[in-house]
């Protein structure tokens, strides 16, 4: 058996700074549709997001009058789950990056 020598380690000092990329928030947008009743949309926002009657009504009215409303903001993966839940309730929702 041969004698092993220690692995050569270069005599170099290198400072590497690692930092996480800033979290870019995403948002769930619920869009107006001709199918769902306003009372149903309020109920979905209250049931799923836990919004108060007043907040859910404000969001529903924004959907109705403005054509859409931002109903949640946060990490992309979470917003995708929320959008899928809105689809499961029969609402039209999309996920987009928050405008910077």
C-alpha atoms as a PDB file:
ATOM      1  CA  UNK A   1       0.000   0.000   0.000  1.00  0.00           C
ATOM      2  CA  UNK A   2       1.224   3.420  -0.884  1.00  0.00           C
ATOM      3  CA  UNK A   3       1.540   6.369   1.400  1.00  0.00           C
ATOM      4  CA  UNK A   4      -1.020   9.040   0.691  1.00  0.00           C
ATOM      5  CA  UNK A   5      -0.115  12.664   0.807  1.00  0.00           C
ATOM      6  CA  UNK A   6      -2.474  15.394   1.941  1.00  0.00           C
ATOM      7  CA  UNK A   7      -4.483  17.015  -0.820  1.00  0.00           C
ATOM      8  CA  UNK A   8      -2.971  20.211  -2.075  1.00  0.00           C
ATOM      9  CA  UNK A   9      -4.906  23.249  -0.915  1.00  0.00           C
ATOM     10  CA  UNK A  10      -4.245  26.453  -2.772  1.00  0.00           C
ATOM     11  CA  UNK A  11      -3.154  29.359  -0.622  1.00  0.00           C
ATOM     12  CA  UNK A  12      -5.931  31.665  -1.814  1.00  0.00           C
ATOM     13  CA  UNK A  13      -8.265  33.689   0.292  1.00  0.00           C
ATOM     14  CA  UNK A  14     -11.457  34.473  -1.488  1.00  0.00           C
ATOM     15  CA  UNK A  15     -14.318  36.326   0.089  1.00  0.00           C
ATOM     16  CA  UNK A  16     -17.659  35.424  -1.356  1.00  0.00           C
ATOM     17  CA  UNK A  17     -20.726  37.289  -0.226  1.00  0.00           C
ATOM     18  CA  UNK A  18     -24.001  35.522  -0.719  1.00  0.00           C
ATOM     19  CA  UNK A  19     -27.303  37.240  -0.337  1.00  0.00           C
ATOM     20  CA  UNK A  20     -30.822  36.202  -1.135  1.00  0.00           C
ATOM     21  CA  UNK A  21     -32.559  37.922  -3.964  1.00  0.00           C
ATOM     22  CA  UNK A  22     -35.187  40.330  -2.711  1.00  0.00           C
ATOM     23  CA  UNK A  23     -38.626  38.769  -2.559  1.00  0.00           C
ATOM     24  CA  UNK A  24     -40.745  40.253  -5.282  1.00  0.00           C
ATOM     25  CA  UNK A  25     -44.382  40.243  -4.216  1.00  0.00           C
ATOM     26  CA  UNK A  26     -47.080  38.793  -6.429  1.00  0.00           C
ATOM     27  CA  UNK A  27     -50.801  39.450  -6.379  1.00  0.00           C
ATOM     28  CA  UNK A  28     -54.009  37.601  -7.127  1.00  0.00           C
ATOM     29  CA  UNK A  29     -56.398  39.504  -9.348  1.00  0.00           C
ATOM     30  CA  UNK A  30     -60.041  38.446  -9.540  1.00  0.00           C
ATOM     31  CA  UNK A  31     -61.744  39.535 -12.751  1.00  0.00           C
ATOM     32  CA  UNK A  32     -65.358  40.379 -13.438  1.00  0.00           C
ATOM     33  CA  UNK A  33     -67.493  37.771 -15.129  1.00  0.00           C
ATOM     34  CA  UNK A  34     -71.130  37.663 -16.237  1.00  0.00           C
ATOM     35  CA  UNK A  35     -71.841  34.423 -14.358  1.00  0.00           C
ATOM     36  CA  UNK A  36     -71.361  34.784 -10.610  1.00  0.00           C
ATOM     37  CA  UNK A  37     -73.750  36.696  -8.379  1.00  0.00           C
ATOM     38  CA  UNK A  38     -72.307  39.529  -6.326  1.00  0.00           C
ATOM     39  CA  UNK A  39     -73.477  37.853  -3.115  1.00  0.00           C
ATOM     40  CA  UNK A  40     -71.631  34.675  -4.107  1.00  0.00           C
ATOM     41  CA  UNK A  41     -68.375  36.569  -4.731  1.00  0.00           C
ATOM     42  CA  UNK A  42     -68.668  38.220  -1.304  1.00  0.00           C
ATOM     43  CA  UNK A  43     -69.248  34.796   0.265  1.00  0.00           C
ATOM     44  CA  UNK A  44     -66.158  33.357  -1.490  1.00  0.00           C
ATOM     45  CA  UNK A  45     -63.950  36.229  -0.277  1.00  0.00           C
ATOM     46  CA  UNK A  46     -65.281  35.852   3.265  1.00  0.00           C
ATOM     47  CA  UNK A  47     -65.031  32.052   3.311  1.00  0.00           C
ATOM     48  CA  UNK A  48     -61.666  31.616   1.632  1.00  0.00           C
ATOM     49  CA  UNK A  49     -59.718  34.722   2.691  1.00  0.00           C
ATOM     50  CA  UNK A  50     -61.545  35.370   5.961  1.00  0.00           C
ATOM     51  CA  UNK A  51     -62.341  38.962   5.008  1.00  0.00           C
ATOM     52  CA  UNK A  52     -64.962  40.895   6.933  1.00  0.00           C
ATOM     53  CA  UNK A  53     -68.329  41.521   5.312  1.00  0.00           C
ATOM     54  CA  UNK A  54     -67.283  45.128   4.589  1.00  0.00           C
ATOM     55  CA  UNK A  55     -63.901  44.224   3.060  1.00  0.00           C
ATOM     56  CA  UNK A  56     -65.349  41.404   0.972  1.00  0.00           C
ATOM     57  CA  UNK A  57     -68.068  43.747  -0.282  1.00  0.00           C
ATOM     58  CA  UNK A  58     -65.507  46.443  -1.167  1.00  0.00           C
ATOM     59  CA  UNK A  59     -63.482  43.928  -3.178  1.00  0.00           C
ATOM     60  CA  UNK A  60     -66.585  42.549  -4.905  1.00  0.00           C
ATOM     61  CA  UNK A  61     -67.673  46.086  -5.854  1.00  0.00           C
ATOM     62  CA  UNK A  62     -64.202  46.780  -7.286  1.00  0.00           C
ATOM     63  CA  UNK A  63     -64.518  43.611  -9.374  1.00  0.00           C
ATOM     64  CA  UNK A  64     -67.994  44.663 -10.487  1.00  0.00           C
ATOM     65  CA  UNK A  65     -67.301  48.339 -11.248  1.00  0.00           C
ATOM     66  CA  UNK A  66     -63.596  48.330 -12.200  1.00  0.00           C
ATOM     67  CA  UNK A  67     -63.535  44.916 -13.845  1.00  0.00           C
ATOM     68  CA  UNK A  68     -61.030  43.460 -11.364  1.00  0.00           C
ATOM     69  CA  UNK A  69     -59.675  43.640  -7.825  1.00  0.00           C
ATOM     70  CA  UNK A  70     -56.447  42.609  -6.126  1.00  0.00           C
ATOM     71  CA  UNK A  71     -57.575  40.214  -3.409  1.00  0.00           C
ATOM     72  CA  UNK A  72     -54.215  39.010  -2.044  1.00  0.00           C
ATOM     73  CA  UNK A  73     -50.500  39.838  -2.185  1.00  0.00           C
ATOM     74  CA  UNK A  74     -47.526  37.699  -1.195  1.00  0.00           C
ATOM     75  CA  UNK A  75     -45.043  35.072  -2.394  1.00  0.00           C
ATOM     76  CA  UNK A  76     -45.688  33.668  -5.860  1.00  0.00           C
ATOM     77  CA  UNK A  77     -46.308  30.085  -4.750  1.00  0.00           C
ATOM     78  CA  UNK A  78     -48.914  31.162  -2.202  1.00  0.00           C
ATOM     79  CA  UNK A  79     -50.630  33.422  -4.726  1.00  0.00           C
ATOM     80  CA  UNK A  80     -50.800  30.560  -7.221  1.00  0.00           C
ATOM     81  CA  UNK A  81     -52.565  28.459  -4.583  1.00  0.00           C
ATOM     82  CA  UNK A  82     -55.029  31.302  -3.955  1.00  0.00           C
ATOM     83  CA  UNK A  83     -55.703  31.735  -7.692  1.00  0.00           C
ATOM     84  CA  UNK A  84     -56.363  28.014  -8.046  1.00  0.00           C
ATOM     85  CA  UNK A  85     -58.773  28.207  -5.110  1.00  0.00           C
ATOM     86  CA  UNK A  86     -60.614  31.059  -6.843  1.00  0.00           C
ATOM     87  CA  UNK A  87     -60.867  28.878  -9.968  1.00  0.00           C
ATOM     88  CA  UNK A  88     -62.210  26.039  -7.830  1.00  0.00           C
ATOM     89  CA  UNK A  89     -64.941  28.438  -6.624  1.00  0.00           C
ATOM     90  CA  UNK A  90     -65.725  29.307 -10.252  1.00  0.00           C
ATOM     91  CA  UNK A  91     -64.128  32.768 -10.247  1.00  0.00           C
ATOM     92  CA  UNK A  92     -61.738  34.030 -12.908  1.00  0.00           C
ATOM     93  CA  UNK A  93     -58.386  34.886 -11.268  1.00  0.00           C
ATOM     94  CA  UNK A  94     -54.826  35.469 -12.393  1.00  0.00           C
ATOM     95  CA  UNK A  95     -51.458  35.907 -10.690  1.00  0.00           C
ATOM     96  CA  UNK A  96     -49.102  38.740 -11.605  1.00  0.00           C
ATOM     97  CA  UNK A  97     -46.022  40.467 -10.239  1.00  0.00           C
ATOM     98  CA  UNK A  98     -46.672  43.574  -8.243  1.00  0.00           C
ATOM     99  CA  UNK A  99     -45.790  46.552 -10.433  1.00  0.00           C
ATOM    100  CA  UNK A 100     -42.566  48.142  -9.170  1.00  0.00           C
END
